[in-house]
Amino acid sequence: MTRVFSGIQPTGDVHLGNVLRAMVRWVDEQHRAESLYCVVDLHALTISQDLAELHRSSLRLAQILLAIGLDPEVCTLFVRSTSTSTPSSPGSCSAPPPTASSAA
């Protein structure tokens, strides 16, 4: 079976392009491949961020992904900063959750 890994940053608002070009495709794709989807919040730390807002945005984006139809019984969905390893990915790298000092 094909394995798919895709991520989305929690910065900015979800817009029509996100929905049509990624999210709707992910909902369909989860039934055709071993699918892992990630809110890549640690990628957002390349610029200064309000960590509390980043956390809220990350959880809100995960909720949106569930609301549009990603099924945790069918695919893997996770917020990167809450995971010490990438589920079902042998040999993956891991990183600790961001702290105020690491984001400055």
C-alpha atoms as a PDB file:
ATOM      1  CA  MET A   1       0.000   0.000   0.000  1.00  0.00           C
ATOM      2  CA  THR A   2       1.192   3.505  -0.812  1.00  0.00           C
ATOM      3  CA  ARG A   3       2.170   5.704   2.142  1.00  0.00           C
ATOM      4  CA  VAL A   4       1.365   9.419   2.081  1.00  0.00           C
ATOM      5  CA  PHE A   5       2.726  12.038   4.483  1.00  0.00           C
ATOM      6  CA  SER A   6       1.547  15.605   4.184  1.00  0.00           C
ATOM      7  CA  GLY A   7       1.642  18.599   6.494  1.00  0.00           C
ATOM      8  CA  ILE A   8       0.135  22.040   6.789  1.00  0.00           C
ATOM      9  CA  GLN A   9       1.405  25.044   8.756  1.00  0.00           C
ATOM     10  CA  PRO A  10      -0.970  26.636  11.277  1.00  0.00           C
ATOM     11  CA  THR A  11      -0.007  30.194  10.333  1.00  0.00           C
ATOM     12  CA  GLY A  12      -2.604  32.400   8.683  1.00  0.00           C
ATOM     13  CA  ASP A  13      -6.248  31.610   8.071  1.00  0.00           C
ATOM     14  CA  VAL A  14      -7.528  28.538   6.263  1.00  0.00           C
ATOM     15  CA  HIS A  15      -8.595  29.745   2.827  1.00  0.00           C
ATOM     16  CA  LEU A  16     -10.309  28.305  -0.231  1.00  0.00           C
ATOM     17  CA  GLY A  17      -6.976  27.275  -1.749  1.00  0.00           C
ATOM     18  CA  ASN A  18      -6.140  25.170   1.342  1.00  0.00           C
ATOM     19  CA  VAL A  19      -9.528  23.500   1.227  1.00  0.00           C
ATOM     20  CA  LEU A  20      -9.649  22.777  -2.511  1.00  0.00           C
ATOM     21  CA  ARG A  21      -5.993  21.951  -3.154  1.00  0.00           C
ATOM     22  CA  ALA A  22      -5.145  19.941  -0.033  1.00  0.00           C
ATOM     23  CA  MET A  23      -7.828  19.242   2.524  1.00  0.00           C
ATOM     24  CA  VAL A  24     -10.544  17.824   0.245  1.00  0.00           C
ATOM     25  CA  ARG A  25      -7.905  15.688  -1.483  1.00  0.00           C
ATOM     26  CA  TRP A  26      -6.680  14.398   1.900  1.00  0.00           C
ATOM     27  CA  VAL A  27     -10.197  13.293   2.866  1.00  0.00           C
ATOM     28  CA  ASP A  28     -10.404  11.193  -0.317  1.00  0.00           C
ATOM     29  CA  GLU A  29      -6.796  10.047  -0.203  1.00  0.00           C
ATOM     30  CA  GLN A  30      -7.020   8.649   3.338  1.00  0.00           C
ATOM     31  CA  HIS A  31      -9.078   5.755   1.948  1.00  0.00           C
ATOM     32  CA  ARG A  32      -6.602   4.886  -0.821  1.00  0.00           C
ATOM     33  CA  ALA A  33      -3.244   5.032   0.995  1.00  0.00           C
ATOM     34  CA  GLU A  34      -1.679   4.676   4.412  1.00  0.00           C
ATOM     35  CA  SER A  35      -2.051   8.357   5.266  1.00  0.00           C
ATOM     36  CA  LEU A  36      -0.267  10.484   7.849  1.00  0.00           C
ATOM     37  CA  TYR A  37      -1.243  14.149   8.145  1.00  0.00           C
ATOM     38  CA  CYS A  38       0.492  16.660  10.355  1.00  0.00           C
ATOM     39  CA  VAL A  39      -0.003  20.199  11.579  1.00  0.00           C
ATOM     40  CA  VAL A  40       3.620  21.300  11.151  1.00  0.00           C
ATOM     41  CA  ASP A  41       3.679  23.943  13.861  1.00  0.00           C
ATOM     42  CA  LEU A  42       7.432  23.624  14.499  1.00  0.00           C
ATOM     43  CA  HIS A  43       8.031  24.831  10.917  1.00  0.00           C
ATOM     44  CA  ALA A  44       6.356  28.106  11.905  1.00  0.00           C
ATOM     45  CA  LEU A  45       9.168  28.817  14.380  1.00  0.00           C
ATOM     46  CA  THR A  46      11.463  30.053  11.621  1.00  0.00           C
ATOM     47  CA  ILE A  47      10.147  33.522  12.492  1.00  0.00           C
ATOM     48  CA  SER A  48       9.205  35.014  15.863  1.00  0.00           C
ATOM     49  CA  GLN A  49       5.793  33.729  17.001  1.00  0.00           C
ATOM     50  CA  ASP A  50       3.492  34.201  19.970  1.00  0.00           C
ATOM     51  CA  LEU A  51       3.697  30.616  21.267  1.00  0.00           C
ATOM     52  CA  ALA A  52       0.273  30.693  22.932  1.00  0.00           C
ATOM     53  CA  GLU A  53      -1.353  31.838  19.675  1.00  0.00           C
ATOM     54  CA  LEU A  54       0.620  29.280  17.678  1.00  0.00           C
ATOM     55  CA  HIS A  55      -0.633  26.532  20.005  1.00  0.00           C
ATOM     56  CA  ARG A  56      -4.249  27.740  19.652  1.00  0.00           C
ATOM     57  CA  SER A  57      -3.890  27.948  15.864  1.00  0.00           C
ATOM     58  CA  SER A  58      -2.417  24.447  15.723  1.00  0.00           C
ATOM     59  CA  LEU A  59      -5.262  22.899  17.696  1.00  0.00           C
ATOM     60  CA  ARG A  60      -7.855  24.895  15.718  1.00  0.00           C
ATOM     61  CA  LEU A  61      -6.367  23.629  12.434  1.00  0.00           C
ATOM     62  CA  ALA A  62      -6.431  20.028  13.704  1.00  0.00           C
ATOM     63  CA  GLN A  63     -10.111  20.518  14.601  1.00  0.00           C
ATOM     64  CA  ILE A  64     -10.827  21.851  11.098  1.00  0.00           C
ATOM     65  CA  LEU A  65      -9.115  18.832   9.546  1.00  0.00           C
ATOM     66  CA  LEU A  66     -11.300  16.509  11.619  1.00  0.00           C
ATOM     67  CA  ALA A  67     -14.406  18.550  10.797  1.00  0.00           C
ATOM     68  CA  ILE A  68     -13.850  18.315   7.034  1.00  0.00           C
ATOM     69  CA  GLY A  69     -13.642  14.542   7.240  1.00  0.00           C
ATOM     70  CA  LEU A  70     -10.225  13.221   8.202  1.00  0.00           C
ATOM     71  CA  ASP A  71     -11.052  10.086  10.158  1.00  0.00           C
ATOM     72  CA  PRO A  72      -8.638   9.076  12.952  1.00  0.00           C
ATOM     73  CA  GLU A  73      -9.855   5.496  12.505  1.00  0.00           C
ATOM     74  CA  VAL A  74      -8.563   5.574   8.906  1.00  0.00           C
ATOM     75  CA  CYS A  75      -5.561   7.942   8.932  1.00  0.00           C
ATOM     76  CA  THR A  76      -3.039   9.364  11.386  1.00  0.00           C
ATOM     77  CA  LEU A  77      -3.420  13.059  12.257  1.00  0.00           C
ATOM     78  CA  PHE A  78      -1.100  14.772  14.704  1.00  0.00           C
ATOM     79  CA  VAL A  79       0.231  18.167  15.770  1.00  0.00           C
ATOM     80  CA  ARG A  80       4.008  17.937  15.480  1.00  0.00           C
ATOM     81  CA  SER A  81       4.917  19.743  18.702  1.00  0.00           C
ATOM     82  CA  THR A  82       2.773  17.332  20.714  1.00  0.00           C
ATOM     83  CA  SER A  83       4.557  14.273  19.320  1.00  0.00           C
ATOM     84  CA  THR A  84       8.045  13.173  20.337  1.00  0.00           C
ATOM     85  CA  SER A  85       8.213  10.953  17.258  1.00  0.00           C
ATOM     86  CA  THR A  86       6.395  10.720  13.964  1.00  0.00           C
ATOM     87  CA  PRO A  87       3.819   7.909  14.179  1.00  0.00           C
ATOM     88  CA  SER A  88       4.381   4.895  11.910  1.00  0.00           C
ATOM     89  CA  SER A  89       7.549   6.339  10.364  1.00  0.00           C
ATOM     90  CA  PRO A  90      10.625   4.202  11.049  1.00  0.00           C
ATOM     91  CA  GLY A  91      13.817   6.188  11.387  1.00  0.00           C
ATOM     92  CA  SER A  92      12.074   9.532  11.748  1.00  0.00           C
ATOM     93  CA  CYS A  93      13.575  12.486  13.541  1.00  0.00           C
ATOM     94  CA  SER A  94      12.016  13.915  16.655  1.00  0.00           C
ATOM     95  CA  ALA A  95      12.194  17.227  18.445  1.00  0.00           C
ATOM     96  CA  PRO A  96      10.940  18.469  21.804  1.00  0.00           C
ATOM     97  CA  PRO A  97       7.975  20.854  21.946  1.00  0.00           C
ATOM     98  CA  PRO A  98       8.900  24.531  21.522  1.00  0.00           C
ATOM     99  CA  THR A  99       9.540  26.651  24.589  1.00  0.00           C
ATOM    100  CA  ALA A 100       9.506  30.411  24.998  1.00  0.00           C
ATOM    101  CA  SER A 101      13.313  30.510  24.974  1.00  0.00           C
ATOM    102  CA  SER A 102      13.629  28.390  21.788  1.00  0.00           C
ATOM    103  CA  ALA A 103      11.210  30.582  19.849  1.00  0.00           C
ATOM    104  CA  ALA A 104      12.912  33.859  20.661  1.00  0.00           C
END
